[in-house]
Amino acid sequence: MEDMEDASYDLHDDHNHNHCPGARNVHAYLRSQLSDVTPAFNQPRPCSSVPGLPEQQENREKVSVGSSSDSKFMDSDSSSESSEVSEADSPASSSASAAGKFALNSASKFLLNEMAVEDYRRNHWPNLEKVINLLLVQKPTDHISISYAQIYSCVYKCVCQQHSELLYRDLTLKITTHLKQVSSQLQDSSPEDFIENFSLALTQYTASLQCIVPVFMYMNKFYIETKLNRDLREELMKLFADHVAEQHIKTLMPLLIKAHSMPFQVQPSTMANVVKGLHSLRPEWAQLAPALFSCFIPQINPPTVESQLSDYAAHDQKLQMELSMNGFPRGDQSRKRASEDS
């Protein structure tokens, strides 16, 4: 009996060397109680109190049962962490928390996107629009002082801020508006000046694209070519074909045919520029006047056949006669070889 009493009052040091009377009995008792606990409980089981422990420690060591299907308990050892089920750990509360975070993130992203678009409208696009206006109206012989590095940097920022689609739409809308004005001005041209004015408009526009396309090269590479599978210069040339050339092709073609039948009524360089330009815009337009386009564009007519050589020779003689009747001599005939006919 005395041995048992001595054993019950053995002193055991914890890791901090604090004397804990009765610690061995307490831990032995808890181990025996916890060994009876199964993963699932059919009915909540109250944990019996341990004699000799303070009331606060006893309450802290009570098993917390969340439900009949999902039970959790906490270890009575002071070094273990609490795993009690709280309202925040339930699936419903977790879903509500996740939904709240998603709504907050969506609202934040929407707000940031609106702020970025507003910055684009106020700062980036107005600067680009001014440069585009200057480039579209400049003549080929004019020199405009523009910081292309600064404009290119502005385009780069717009693309990096995911404004490529908006930038491309604004660019095409701006150029379309300009081309409609050009078409309206050509409508007021007289027949005598129509070919010359059309040639000037085409030359000025192509010269402008030589500056505009490089400035928007970053947008062309990472948006138009990648996502739209197109090319910026080709798209802008299509705008000229749709809003200028196609609107006046019925007026322009008869004037070209008439000017071609009367040599040097229009400068040869102007004729070549207009005919080659029309063919580059819409190759099918060459079928409207094959004889005209074949004089400036190779391989418009079908291949030569031997049976039509006499017709080609007759056509050549007719052309030489027309040139001589209009005051163009055939040149110094004295240098011809004696075997050739005069």
C-alpha atoms as a PDB file:
ATOM      1  CA  MET A   1       0.000   0.000   0.000  1.00  0.00           C
ATOM      2  CA  GLU A   2       2.759   2.399   0.806  1.00  0.00           C
ATOM      3  CA  ASP A   3       4.526   1.515  -2.463  1.00  0.00           C
ATOM      4  CA  MET A   4       1.430   2.451  -4.405  1.00  0.00           C
ATOM      5  CA  GLU A   5       1.078   5.747  -2.597  1.00  0.00           C
ATOM      6  CA  ASP A   6       4.766   6.504  -3.227  1.00  0.00           C
ATOM      7  CA  ALA A   7       4.375   5.693  -6.886  1.00  0.00           C
ATOM      8  CA  SER A   8       1.333   7.929  -7.192  1.00  0.00           C
ATOM      9  CA  TYR A   9       3.313  10.861  -5.866  1.00  0.00           C
ATOM     10  CA  ASP A  10       6.440  10.404  -8.010  1.00  0.00           C
ATOM     11  CA  LEU A  11       7.768  13.639  -9.355  1.00  0.00           C
ATOM     12  CA  HIS A  12       8.157  13.852 -13.128  1.00  0.00           C
ATOM     13  CA  ASP A  13       9.843  16.717 -14.852  1.00  0.00           C
ATOM     14  CA  ASP A  14       8.452  18.079 -18.059  1.00  0.00           C
ATOM     15  CA  HIS A  15      10.697  19.527 -20.733  1.00  0.00           C
ATOM     16  CA  ASN A  16      10.903  22.792 -18.744  1.00  0.00           C
ATOM     17  CA  HIS A  17      11.873  20.949 -15.508  1.00  0.00           C
ATOM     18  CA  ASN A  18       8.600  21.850 -13.830  1.00  0.00           C
ATOM     19  CA  HIS A  19       7.411  19.304 -11.271  1.00  0.00           C
ATOM     20  CA  CYS A  20       4.055  17.842 -12.309  1.00  0.00           C
ATOM     21  CA  PRO A  21       2.485  15.738  -9.548  1.00  0.00           C
ATOM     22  CA  GLY A  22       0.359  12.889 -10.799  1.00  0.00           C
ATOM     23  CA  ALA A  23       1.315  13.381 -14.490  1.00  0.00           C
ATOM     24  CA  ARG A  24       1.948   9.679 -15.071  1.00  0.00           C
ATOM     25  CA  ASN A  25      -1.561   8.740 -13.875  1.00  0.00           C
ATOM     26  CA  VAL A  26      -3.169  11.499 -15.896  1.00  0.00           C
ATOM     27  CA  HIS A  27      -1.519  10.469 -19.182  1.00  0.00           C
ATOM     28  CA  ALA A  28      -2.202   6.818 -18.544  1.00  0.00           C
ATOM     29  CA  TYR A  29      -5.839   7.589 -17.971  1.00  0.00           C
ATOM     30  CA  LEU A  30      -6.135   9.718 -21.111  1.00  0.00           C
ATOM     31  CA  ARG A  31      -4.499   7.045 -23.243  1.00  0.00           C
ATOM     32  CA  SER A  32      -6.988   4.508 -21.983  1.00  0.00           C
ATOM     33  CA  GLN A  33      -9.882   6.838 -22.761  1.00  0.00           C
ATOM     34  CA  LEU A  34      -8.682   7.876 -26.221  1.00  0.00           C
ATOM     35  CA  SER A  35      -8.043   4.295 -27.278  1.00  0.00           C
ATOM     36  CA  ASP A  36     -11.794   3.687 -27.111  1.00  0.00           C
ATOM     37  CA  VAL A  37     -12.558   6.532 -29.532  1.00  0.00           C
ATOM     38  CA  THR A  38     -13.390   5.325 -33.092  1.00  0.00           C
ATOM     39  CA  PRO A  39     -13.234   7.412 -36.324  1.00  0.00           C
ATOM     40  CA  ALA A  40     -17.023   7.553 -36.587  1.00  0.00           C
ATOM     41  CA  PHE A  41     -19.529   8.076 -33.780  1.00  0.00           C
ATOM     42  CA  ASN A  42     -23.134   6.875 -33.861  1.00  0.00           C
ATOM     43  CA  GLN A  43     -24.034   8.998 -30.863  1.00  0.00           C
ATOM     44  CA  PRO A  44     -22.126  11.813 -29.161  1.00  0.00           C
ATOM     45  CA  ARG A  45     -20.136  10.510 -26.217  1.00  0.00           C
ATOM     46  CA  PRO A  46     -19.285  12.864 -23.377  1.00  0.00           C
ATOM     47  CA  CYS A  47     -15.745  12.727 -22.118  1.00  0.00           C
ATOM     48  CA  SER A  48     -15.520  11.974 -18.421  1.00  0.00           C
ATOM     49  CA  SER A  49     -13.610  14.419 -16.368  1.00  0.00           C
ATOM     50  CA  VAL A  50     -10.197  13.615 -15.070  1.00  0.00           C
ATOM     51  CA  PRO A  51      -9.821  14.050 -11.340  1.00  0.00           C
ATOM     52  CA  GLY A  52      -7.027  16.198 -10.158  1.00  0.00           C
ATOM     53  CA  LEU A  53      -6.889  18.558 -13.223  1.00  0.00           C
ATOM     54  CA  PRO A  54      -7.856  22.183 -13.047  1.00  0.00           C
ATOM     55  CA  GLU A  55     -11.279  23.064 -14.443  1.00  0.00           C
ATOM     56  CA  GLN A  56      -9.972  25.092 -17.390  1.00  0.00           C
ATOM     57  CA  GLN A  57      -7.619  22.344 -18.531  1.00  0.00           C
ATOM     58  CA  GLU A  58     -10.435  19.802 -18.182  1.00  0.00           C
ATOM     59  CA  ASN A  59     -12.769  21.848 -20.340  1.00  0.00           C
ATOM     60  CA  ARG A  60     -10.055  22.319 -22.954  1.00  0.00           C
ATOM     61  CA  GLU A  61      -9.558  18.584 -23.197  1.00  0.00           C
ATOM     62  CA  LYS A  62     -13.206  17.777 -23.900  1.00  0.00           C
ATOM     63  CA  VAL A  63     -13.894  16.081 -27.187  1.00  0.00           C
ATOM     64  CA  SER A  64     -15.755  18.326 -29.617  1.00  0.00           C
ATOM     65  CA  VAL A  65     -18.147  16.391 -31.816  1.00  0.00           C
ATOM     66  CA  GLY A  66     -19.287  18.247 -34.984  1.00  0.00           C
ATOM     67  CA  SER A  67     -21.871  15.797 -36.324  1.00  0.00           C
ATOM     68  CA  SER A  68     -22.787  12.164 -36.348  1.00  0.00           C
ATOM     69  CA  SER A  69     -21.109  11.631 -39.735  1.00  0.00           C
ATOM     70  CA  ASP A  70     -18.000  13.736 -39.305  1.00  0.00           C
ATOM     71  CA  SER A  71     -16.428  13.842 -35.796  1.00  0.00           C
ATOM     72  CA  LYS A  72     -13.229  15.479 -34.769  1.00  0.00           C
ATOM     73  CA  PHE A  73     -11.515  15.561 -31.468  1.00  0.00           C
ATOM     74  CA  MET A  74      -8.548  17.279 -29.960  1.00  0.00           C
ATOM     75  CA  ASP A  75      -5.578  15.640 -28.339  1.00  0.00           C
ATOM     76  CA  SER A  76      -5.296  16.207 -24.602  1.00  0.00           C
ATOM     77  CA  ASP A  77      -1.549  16.666 -24.873  1.00  0.00           C
ATOM     78  CA  SER A  78      -0.573  20.270 -24.400  1.00  0.00           C
ATOM     79  CA  SER A  79       1.750  20.186 -27.442  1.00  0.00           C
ATOM     80  CA  SER A  80      -1.011  19.225 -29.927  1.00  0.00           C
ATOM     81  CA  GLU A  81      -2.972  21.885 -31.833  1.00  0.00           C
ATOM     82  CA  SER A  82      -6.712  22.404 -31.679  1.00  0.00           C
ATOM     83  CA  SER A  83      -8.722  20.920 -34.516  1.00  0.00           C
ATOM     84  CA  GLU A  84     -12.227  21.838 -33.451  1.00  0.00           C
ATOM     85  CA  VAL A  85     -14.740  22.313 -36.228  1.00  0.00           C
ATOM     86  CA  SER A  86     -15.865  25.880 -36.580  1.00  0.00           C
ATOM     87  CA  GLU A  87     -18.370  27.562 -38.846  1.00  0.00           C
ATOM     88  CA  ALA A  88     -15.602  28.857 -41.082  1.00  0.00           C
ATOM     89  CA  ASP A  89     -14.458  25.251 -41.790  1.00  0.00           C
ATOM     90  CA  SER A  90     -17.860  24.087 -43.057  1.00  0.00           C
ATOM     91  CA  PRO A  91     -18.336  23.557 -46.858  1.00  0.00           C
ATOM     92  CA  ALA A  92     -21.105  26.154 -47.061  1.00  0.00           C
ATOM     93  CA  SER A  93     -19.040  28.863 -45.428  1.00  0.00           C
ATOM     94  CA  SER A  94     -16.029  27.952 -47.608  1.00  0.00           C
ATOM     95  CA  SER A  95     -18.137  28.267 -50.776  1.00  0.00           C
ATOM     96  CA  ALA A  96     -19.502  31.600 -49.618  1.00  0.00           C
ATOM     97  CA  SER A  97     -15.991  32.847 -48.864  1.00  0.00           C
ATOM     98  CA  ALA A  98     -14.714  31.706 -52.268  1.00  0.00           C
ATOM     99  CA  ALA A  99     -17.665  33.356 -54.017  1.00  0.00           C
ATOM    100  CA  GLY A 100     -16.986  36.576 -52.146  1.00  0.00           C
ATOM    101  CA  LYS A 101     -13.321  36.559 -53.115  1.00  0.00           C
ATOM    102  CA  PHE A 102     -14.217  35.845 -56.779  1.00  0.00           C
ATOM    103  CA  ALA A 103     -16.705  38.706 -56.834  1.00  0.00           C
ATOM    104  CA  LEU A 104     -14.131  41.021 -55.279  1.00  0.00           C
ATOM    105  CA  ASN A 105     -11.461  39.984 -57.778  1.00  0.00           C
ATOM    106  CA  SER A 106     -13.874  40.404 -60.688  1.00  0.00           C
ATOM    107  CA  ALA A 107     -14.857  43.854 -59.499  1.00  0.00           C
ATOM    108  CA  SER A 108     -11.213  44.826 -59.062  1.00  0.00           C
ATOM    109  CA  LYS A 109     -10.283  43.569 -62.524  1.00  0.00           C
ATOM    110  CA  PHE A 110     -13.241  45.390 -64.079  1.00  0.00           C
ATOM    111  CA  LEU A 111     -12.283  48.615 -62.329  1.00  0.00           C
ATOM    112  CA  LEU A 112      -8.651  48.329 -63.388  1.00  0.00           C
ATOM    113  CA  ASN A 113      -9.687  47.601 -66.966  1.00  0.00           C
ATOM    114  CA  GLU A 114     -11.957  50.633 -67.034  1.00  0.00           C
ATOM    115  CA  MET A 115      -9.152  52.793 -65.686  1.00  0.00           C
ATOM    116  CA  ALA A 116      -6.769  51.459 -68.343  1.00  0.00           C
ATOM    117  CA  VAL A 117      -9.282  52.146 -71.123  1.00  0.00           C
ATOM    118  CA  GLU A 118      -9.841  55.642 -69.807  1.00  0.00           C
ATOM    119  CA  ASP A 119      -6.071  56.242 -69.810  1.00  0.00           C
ATOM    120  CA  TYR A 120      -5.924  54.998 -73.406  1.00  0.00           C
ATOM    121  CA  ARG A 121      -8.719  57.345 -74.472  1.00  0.00           C
ATOM    122  CA  ARG A 122      -7.242  60.370 -72.744  1.00  0.00           C
ATOM    123  CA  ASN A 123      -3.518  59.979 -73.358  1.00  0.00           C
ATOM    124  CA  HIS A 124      -2.433  57.311 -75.841  1.00  0.00           C
ATOM    125  CA  TRP A 125      -4.929  57.508 -78.702  1.00  0.00           C
ATOM    126  CA  PRO A 126      -5.056  61.348 -78.983  1.00  0.00           C
ATOM    127  CA  ASN A 127      -1.280  61.431 -79.495  1.00  0.00           C
ATOM    128  CA  LEU A 128      -1.436  58.668 -82.092  1.00  0.00           C
ATOM    129  CA  GLU A 129      -4.374  60.304 -83.865  1.00  0.00           C
ATOM    130  CA  LYS A 130      -2.471  63.549 -84.328  1.00  0.00           C
ATOM    131  CA  VAL A 131       0.427  61.741 -85.970  1.00  0.00           C
ATOM    132  CA  ILE A 132      -1.876  59.745 -88.249  1.00  0.00           C
ATOM    133  CA  ASN A 133      -3.582  62.947 -89.386  1.00  0.00           C
ATOM    134  CA  LEU A 134      -0.228  64.470 -90.316  1.00  0.00           C
ATOM    135  CA  LEU A 135       0.959  61.380 -92.160  1.00  0.00           C
ATOM    136  CA  LEU A 136      -2.240  60.994 -94.188  1.00  0.00           C
ATOM    137  CA  VAL A 137      -2.218  64.527 -95.566  1.00  0.00           C
ATOM    138  CA  GLN A 138       1.497  64.936 -96.166  1.00  0.00           C
ATOM    139  CA  LYS A 139       2.748  65.036 -99.732  1.00  0.00           C
ATOM    140  CA  PRO A 140       5.544  62.708-100.870  1.00  0.00           C
ATOM    141  CA  THR A 141       7.925  65.671-101.055  1.00  0.00           C
ATOM    142  CA  ASP A 142       7.037  66.992 -97.583  1.00  0.00           C
ATOM    143  CA  HIS A 143       9.086  66.297 -94.484  1.00  0.00           C
ATOM    144  CA  ILE A 144       7.303  66.219 -91.131  1.00  0.00           C
ATOM    145  CA  SER A 145       9.321  66.252 -87.920  1.00  0.00           C
ATOM    146  CA  ILE A 146       7.901  63.351 -85.884  1.00  0.00           C
ATOM    147  CA  SER A 147       9.486  61.351 -83.100  1.00  0.00           C
ATOM    148  CA  TYR A 148       8.865  57.870 -84.441  1.00  0.00           C
ATOM    149  CA  ALA A 149      10.537  56.329 -81.396  1.00  0.00           C
ATOM    150  CA  GLN A 150       8.056  58.062 -79.098  1.00  0.00           C
ATOM    151  CA  ILE A 151       5.069  57.029 -81.214  1.00  0.00           C
ATOM    152  CA  TYR A 152       6.318  53.452 -81.439  1.00  0.00           C
ATOM    153  CA  SER A 153       6.712  53.418 -77.653  1.00  0.00           C
ATOM    154  CA  CYS A 154       3.110  54.579 -77.295  1.00  0.00           C
ATOM    155  CA  VAL A 155       1.896  51.734 -79.528  1.00  0.00           C
ATOM    156  CA  TYR A 156       4.030  49.301 -77.536  1.00  0.00           C
ATOM    157  CA  LYS A 157       2.376  50.379 -74.283  1.00  0.00           C
ATOM    158  CA  CYS A 158      -1.105  50.017 -75.768  1.00  0.00           C
ATOM    159  CA  VAL A 159      -0.363  46.484 -76.923  1.00  0.00           C
ATOM    160  CA  CYS A 160       1.166  45.525 -73.560  1.00  0.00           C
ATOM    161  CA  GLN A 161      -1.937  46.865 -71.792  1.00  0.00           C
ATOM    162  CA  GLN A 162      -4.094  44.614 -73.992  1.00  0.00           C
ATOM    163  CA  HIS A 163      -5.601  47.424 -76.061  1.00  0.00           C
ATOM    164  CA  SER A 164      -4.622  45.899 -79.432  1.00  0.00           C
ATOM    165  CA  GLU A 165      -8.178  45.281 -80.567  1.00  0.00           C
ATOM    166  CA  LEU A 166      -9.273  48.761 -79.540  1.00  0.00           C
ATOM    167  CA  LEU A 167      -6.227  50.344 -81.174  1.00  0.00           C
ATOM    168  CA  TYR A 168      -6.733  48.459 -84.441  1.00  0.00           C
ATOM    169  CA  ARG A 169     -10.405  49.460 -84.557  1.00  0.00           C
ATOM    170  CA  ASP A 170      -9.583  53.132 -83.952  1.00  0.00           C
ATOM    171  CA  LEU A 171      -6.841  53.076 -86.600  1.00  0.00           C
ATOM    172  CA  THR A 172      -9.027  51.567 -89.320  1.00  0.00           C
ATOM    173  CA  LEU A 173     -11.916  53.871 -88.445  1.00  0.00           C
ATOM    174  CA  LYS A 174      -9.661  56.918 -88.661  1.00  0.00           C
ATOM    175  CA  ILE A 175      -8.221  55.928 -92.048  1.00  0.00           C
ATOM    176  CA  THR A 176     -11.658  54.989 -93.386  1.00  0.00           C
ATOM    177  CA  THR A 177     -12.969  58.453 -92.512  1.00  0.00           C
ATOM    178  CA  HIS A 178     -10.018  60.041 -94.309  1.00  0.00           C
ATOM    179  CA  LEU A 179     -10.498  57.896 -97.434  1.00  0.00           C
ATOM    180  CA  LYS A 180     -14.153  58.833 -97.651  1.00  0.00           C
ATOM    181  CA  GLN A 181     -13.088  62.485 -97.751  1.00  0.00           C
ATOM    182  CA  VAL A 182     -10.601  61.679-100.531  1.00  0.00           C
ATOM    183  CA  SER A 183     -13.349  59.948-102.495  1.00  0.00           C
ATOM    184  CA  SER A 184     -15.610  62.966-102.092  1.00  0.00           C
ATOM    185  CA  GLN A 185     -12.877  65.269-103.414  1.00  0.00           C
ATOM    186  CA  LEU A 186     -12.349  63.051-106.464  1.00  0.00           C
ATOM    187  CA  GLN A 187     -16.044  63.205-107.180  1.00  0.00           C
ATOM    188  CA  ASP A 188     -15.682  66.938-107.768  1.00  0.00           C
ATOM    189  CA  SER A 189     -12.753  66.552-110.213  1.00  0.00           C
ATOM    190  CA  SER A 190     -13.231  67.334-113.889  1.00  0.00           C
ATOM    191  CA  PRO A 191     -12.752  64.519-116.460  1.00  0.00           C
ATOM    192  CA  GLU A 192      -9.558  66.183-117.717  1.00  0.00           C
ATOM    193  CA  ASP A 193      -7.991  66.113-114.262  1.00  0.00           C
ATOM    194  CA  PHE A 194      -9.547  62.939-112.895  1.00  0.00           C
ATOM    195  CA  ILE A 195      -6.720  60.567-113.824  1.00  0.00           C
ATOM    196  CA  GLU A 196      -4.076  62.941-112.495  1.00  0.00           C
ATOM    197  CA  ASN A 197      -5.955  63.524-109.228  1.00  0.00           C
ATOM    198  CA  PHE A 198      -6.526  59.816-108.725  1.00  0.00           C
ATOM    199  CA  SER A 199      -2.823  59.178-109.269  1.00  0.00           C
ATOM    200  CA  LEU A 200      -1.919  61.825-106.690  1.00  0.00           C
ATOM    201  CA  ALA A 201      -4.335  60.388-104.129  1.00  0.00           C
ATOM    202  CA  LEU A 202      -2.976  56.868-104.619  1.00  0.00           C
ATOM    203  CA  THR A 203       0.648  58.039-104.412  1.00  0.00           C
ATOM    204  CA  GLN A 204       0.031  60.080-101.288  1.00  0.00           C
ATOM    205  CA  TYR A 205      -1.766  57.244 -99.537  1.00  0.00           C
ATOM    206  CA  THR A 206       0.884  54.627-100.304  1.00  0.00           C
ATOM    207  CA  ALA A 207       3.573  57.038 -99.118  1.00  0.00           C
ATOM    208  CA  SER A 208       1.669  57.547 -95.850  1.00  0.00           C
ATOM    209  CA  LEU A 209       1.487  53.798 -95.288  1.00  0.00           C
ATOM    210  CA  GLN A 210       5.260  53.591 -95.549  1.00  0.00           C
ATOM    211  CA  CYS A 211       5.343  55.572 -92.291  1.00  0.00           C
ATOM    212  CA  ILE A 212       2.170  54.333 -90.583  1.00  0.00           C
ATOM    213  CA  VAL A 213       2.804  50.608 -90.949  1.00  0.00           C
ATOM    214  CA  PRO A 214       6.272  50.650 -89.299  1.00  0.00           C
ATOM    215  CA  VAL A 215       4.917  52.695 -86.389  1.00  0.00           C
ATOM    216  CA  PHE A 216       2.252  50.054 -85.730  1.00  0.00           C
ATOM    217  CA  MET A 217       4.605  47.160 -86.371  1.00  0.00           C
ATOM    218  CA  TYR A 218       4.318  45.816 -82.804  1.00  0.00           C
ATOM    219  CA  MET A 219       0.519  45.683 -83.050  1.00  0.00           C
ATOM    220  CA  ASN A 220       0.804  44.080 -86.483  1.00  0.00           C
ATOM    221  CA  LYS A 221       3.119  41.360 -85.214  1.00  0.00           C
ATOM    222  CA  PHE A 222       1.424  40.420 -81.953  1.00  0.00           C
ATOM    223  CA  TYR A 223      -2.238  41.013 -82.840  1.00  0.00           C
ATOM    224  CA  ILE A 224      -3.052  41.275 -86.554  1.00  0.00           C
ATOM    225  CA  GLU A 225      -0.725  38.524 -87.769  1.00  0.00           C
ATOM    226  CA  THR A 226      -1.096  36.298 -84.703  1.00  0.00           C
ATOM    227  CA  LYS A 227      -4.810  36.523 -83.940  1.00  0.00           C
ATOM    228  CA  LEU A 228      -6.349  37.748 -87.218  1.00  0.00           C
ATOM    229  CA  ASN A 229      -3.924  36.008 -89.603  1.00  0.00           C
ATOM    230  CA  ARG A 230      -3.702  39.178 -91.702  1.00  0.00           C
ATOM    231  CA  ASP A 231      -1.206  41.901 -92.543  1.00  0.00           C
ATOM    232  CA  LEU A 232      -1.633  45.551 -91.605  1.00  0.00           C
ATOM    233  CA  ARG A 233      -0.487  47.006 -94.926  1.00  0.00           C
ATOM    234  CA  GLU A 234      -2.715  44.702 -96.939  1.00  0.00           C
ATOM    235  CA  GLU A 235      -5.683  45.581 -94.752  1.00  0.00           C
ATOM    236  CA  LEU A 236      -5.088  49.318 -95.167  1.00  0.00           C
ATOM    237  CA  MET A 237      -4.698  48.963 -98.937  1.00  0.00           C
ATOM    238  CA  LYS A 238      -8.033  47.137 -99.015  1.00  0.00           C
ATOM    239  CA  LEU A 239      -9.577  50.179 -97.378  1.00  0.00           C
ATOM    240  CA  PHE A 240      -8.371  52.329-100.300  1.00  0.00           C
ATOM    241  CA  ALA A 241      -9.772  49.816-102.788  1.00  0.00           C
ATOM    242  CA  ASP A 242     -13.158  49.705-101.039  1.00  0.00           C
ATOM    243  CA  HIS A 243     -13.680  53.388-100.300  1.00  0.00           C
ATOM    244  CA  VAL A 244     -11.882  55.109-103.199  1.00  0.00           C
ATOM    245  CA  ALA A 245     -10.978  52.962-106.212  1.00  0.00           C
ATOM    246  CA  GLU A 246     -14.157  50.880-106.305  1.00  0.00           C
ATOM    247  CA  GLN A 247     -16.288  53.984-105.969  1.00  0.00           C
ATOM    248  CA  HIS A 248     -14.759  55.525-109.121  1.00  0.00           C
ATOM    249  CA  ILE A 249     -13.709  52.540-111.250  1.00  0.00           C
ATOM    250  CA  LYS A 250     -16.624  53.032-113.670  1.00  0.00           C
ATOM    251  CA  THR A 251     -15.576  56.621-114.259  1.00  0.00           C
ATOM    252  CA  LEU A 252     -11.845  55.978-114.279  1.00  0.00           C
ATOM    253  CA  MET A 253     -11.679  53.044-116.697  1.00  0.00           C
ATOM    254  CA  PRO A 254     -13.232  54.777-119.754  1.00  0.00           C
ATOM    255  CA  LEU A 255     -10.958  57.751-119.203  1.00  0.00           C
ATOM    256  CA  LEU A 256      -7.914  55.469-119.097  1.00  0.00           C
ATOM    257  CA  ILE A 257      -8.933  53.666-122.281  1.00  0.00           C
ATOM    258  CA  LYS A 258      -9.490  56.977-124.060  1.00  0.00           C
ATOM    259  CA  ALA A 259      -6.165  58.388-122.858  1.00  0.00           C
ATOM    260  CA  HIS A 260      -4.379  55.219-123.975  1.00  0.00           C
ATOM    261  CA  SER A 261      -5.811  55.552-127.500  1.00  0.00           C
ATOM    262  CA  MET A 262      -4.411  59.094-127.689  1.00  0.00           C
ATOM    263  CA  PRO A 263      -0.686  58.826-126.880  1.00  0.00           C
ATOM    264  CA  PHE A 264       0.746  61.342-124.428  1.00  0.00           C
ATOM    265  CA  GLN A 265      -2.591  62.916-123.614  1.00  0.00           C
ATOM    266  CA  VAL A 266      -1.689  61.806-120.072  1.00  0.00           C
ATOM    267  CA  GLN A 267       1.869  61.498-118.851  1.00  0.00           C
ATOM    268  CA  PRO A 268       3.163  57.917-119.307  1.00  0.00           C
ATOM    269  CA  SER A 269       4.350  57.839-115.693  1.00  0.00           C
ATOM    270  CA  THR A 270       0.859  58.808-114.508  1.00  0.00           C
ATOM    271  CA  MET A 271      -0.765  56.153-116.686  1.00  0.00           C
ATOM    272  CA  ALA A 272       1.650  53.507-115.454  1.00  0.00           C
ATOM    273  CA  ASN A 273       1.103  54.499-111.816  1.00  0.00           C
ATOM    274  CA  VAL A 274      -2.692  54.312-112.083  1.00  0.00           C
ATOM    275  CA  VAL A 275      -2.852  51.079-114.082  1.00  0.00           C
ATOM    276  CA  LYS A 276      -0.306  49.276-111.882  1.00  0.00           C
ATOM    277  CA  GLY A 277      -2.034  50.606-108.780  1.00  0.00           C
ATOM    278  CA  LEU A 278      -5.434  49.318-109.890  1.00  0.00           C
ATOM    279  CA  HIS A 279      -3.963  45.929-110.681  1.00  0.00           C
ATOM    280  CA  SER A 280      -2.324  45.677-107.255  1.00  0.00           C
ATOM    281  CA  LEU A 281      -5.586  46.621-105.547  1.00  0.00           C
ATOM    282  CA  ARG A 282      -7.826  44.255-107.518  1.00  0.00           C
ATOM    283  CA  PRO A 283      -6.146  42.033-110.157  1.00  0.00           C
ATOM    284  CA  GLU A 284      -9.561  41.165-111.613  1.00  0.00           C
ATOM    285  CA  TRP A 285      -9.958  44.748-112.809  1.00  0.00           C
ATOM    286  CA  ALA A 286      -7.478  43.956-115.599  1.00  0.00           C
ATOM    287  CA  GLN A 287     -10.252  42.011-117.361  1.00  0.00           C
ATOM    288  CA  LEU A 288     -12.146  45.287-117.866  1.00  0.00           C
ATOM    289  CA  ALA A 289      -9.470  46.479-120.351  1.00  0.00           C
ATOM    290  CA  PRO A 290      -6.954  43.713-121.151  1.00  0.00           C
ATOM    291  CA  ALA A 291      -5.302  45.693-123.966  1.00  0.00           C
ATOM    292  CA  LEU A 292      -4.700  48.617-121.640  1.00  0.00           C
ATOM    293  CA  PHE A 293      -3.345  46.581-118.719  1.00  0.00           C
ATOM    294  CA  SER A 294      -1.159  44.422-120.981  1.00  0.00           C
ATOM    295  CA  CYS A 295       0.829  47.524-121.930  1.00  0.00           C
ATOM    296  CA  PHE A 296       1.909  48.001-118.290  1.00  0.00           C
ATOM    297  CA  ILE A 297       1.477  44.598-116.619  1.00  0.00           C
ATOM    298  CA  PRO A 298       3.236  41.522-118.034  1.00  0.00           C
ATOM    299  CA  GLN A 299       1.376  38.274-118.680  1.00  0.00           C
ATOM    300  CA  ILE A 300      -2.065  39.856-118.749  1.00  0.00           C
ATOM    301  CA  ASN A 301      -2.847  38.507-122.216  1.00  0.00           C
ATOM    302  CA  PRO A 302      -2.808  34.788-122.948  1.00  0.00           C
ATOM    303  CA  PRO A 303       0.454  33.296-124.290  1.00  0.00           C
ATOM    304  CA  THR A 304       1.413  34.063-127.909  1.00  0.00           C
ATOM    305  CA  VAL A 305       0.585  31.405-130.456  1.00  0.00           C
ATOM    306  CA  GLU A 306       2.260  30.976-133.837  1.00  0.00           C
ATOM    307  CA  SER A 307      -0.958  31.294-135.811  1.00  0.00           C
ATOM    308  CA  GLN A 308      -1.448  34.898-134.579  1.00  0.00           C
ATOM    309  CA  LEU A 309       2.021  36.251-135.439  1.00  0.00           C
ATOM    310  CA  SER A 310       0.670  38.039-138.510  1.00  0.00           C
ATOM    311  CA  ASP A 311      -1.952  39.781-136.364  1.00  0.00           C
ATOM    312  CA  TYR A 312       0.718  40.935-133.938  1.00  0.00           C
ATOM    313  CA  ALA A 313       2.807  42.335-136.815  1.00  0.00           C
ATOM    314  CA  ALA A 314      -0.184  44.211-138.232  1.00  0.00           C
ATOM    315  CA  HIS A 315      -0.930  45.686-134.816  1.00  0.00           C
ATOM    316  CA  ASP A 316       2.677  46.838-134.496  1.00  0.00           C
ATOM    317  CA  GLN A 317       2.643  48.525-137.905  1.00  0.00           C
ATOM    318  CA  LYS A 318      -0.595  50.287-137.039  1.00  0.00           C
ATOM    319  CA  LEU A 319       0.930  51.620-133.823  1.00  0.00           C
ATOM    320  CA  GLN A 320       3.998  52.916-135.695  1.00  0.00           C
ATOM    321  CA  MET A 321       1.787  54.703-138.216  1.00  0.00           C
ATOM    322  CA  GLU A 322      -0.186  56.392-135.436  1.00  0.00           C
ATOM    323  CA  LEU A 323       3.025  57.582-133.784  1.00  0.00           C
ATOM    324  CA  SER A 324       4.414  59.007-137.044  1.00  0.00           C
ATOM    325  CA  MET A 325       1.116  60.770-137.814  1.00  0.00           C
ATOM    326  CA  ASN A 326       1.265  62.441-134.401  1.00  0.00           C
ATOM    327  CA  GLY A 327       4.696  63.925-135.113  1.00  0.00           C
ATOM    328  CA  PHE A 328       6.992  61.229-133.729  1.00  0.00           C
ATOM    329  CA  PRO A 329       9.666  60.385-136.341  1.00  0.00           C
ATOM    330  CA  ARG A 330      10.935  56.872-136.684  1.00  0.00           C
ATOM    331  CA  GLY A 331      14.491  58.058-136.157  1.00  0.00           C
ATOM    332  CA  ASP A 332      17.584  58.150-138.361  1.00  0.00           C
ATOM    333  CA  GLN A 333      16.929  55.610-141.110  1.00  0.00           C
ATOM    334  CA  SER A 334      20.423  56.010-142.579  1.00  0.00           C
ATOM    335  CA  ARG A 335      21.857  53.741-139.876  1.00  0.00           C
ATOM    336  CA  LYS A 336      19.707  50.821-140.936  1.00  0.00           C
ATOM    337  CA  ARG A 337      21.435  47.873-142.515  1.00  0.00           C
ATOM    338  CA  ALA A 338      21.236  47.660-146.291  1.00  0.00           C
ATOM    339  CA  SER A 339      19.441  44.350-146.193  1.00  0.00           C
ATOM    340  CA  GLU A 340      16.500  45.827-144.254  1.00  0.00           C
ATOM    341  CA  ASP A 341      13.513  47.425-145.920  1.00  0.00           C
ATOM    342  CA  SER A 342      13.057  51.130-145.460  1.00  0.00           C
END
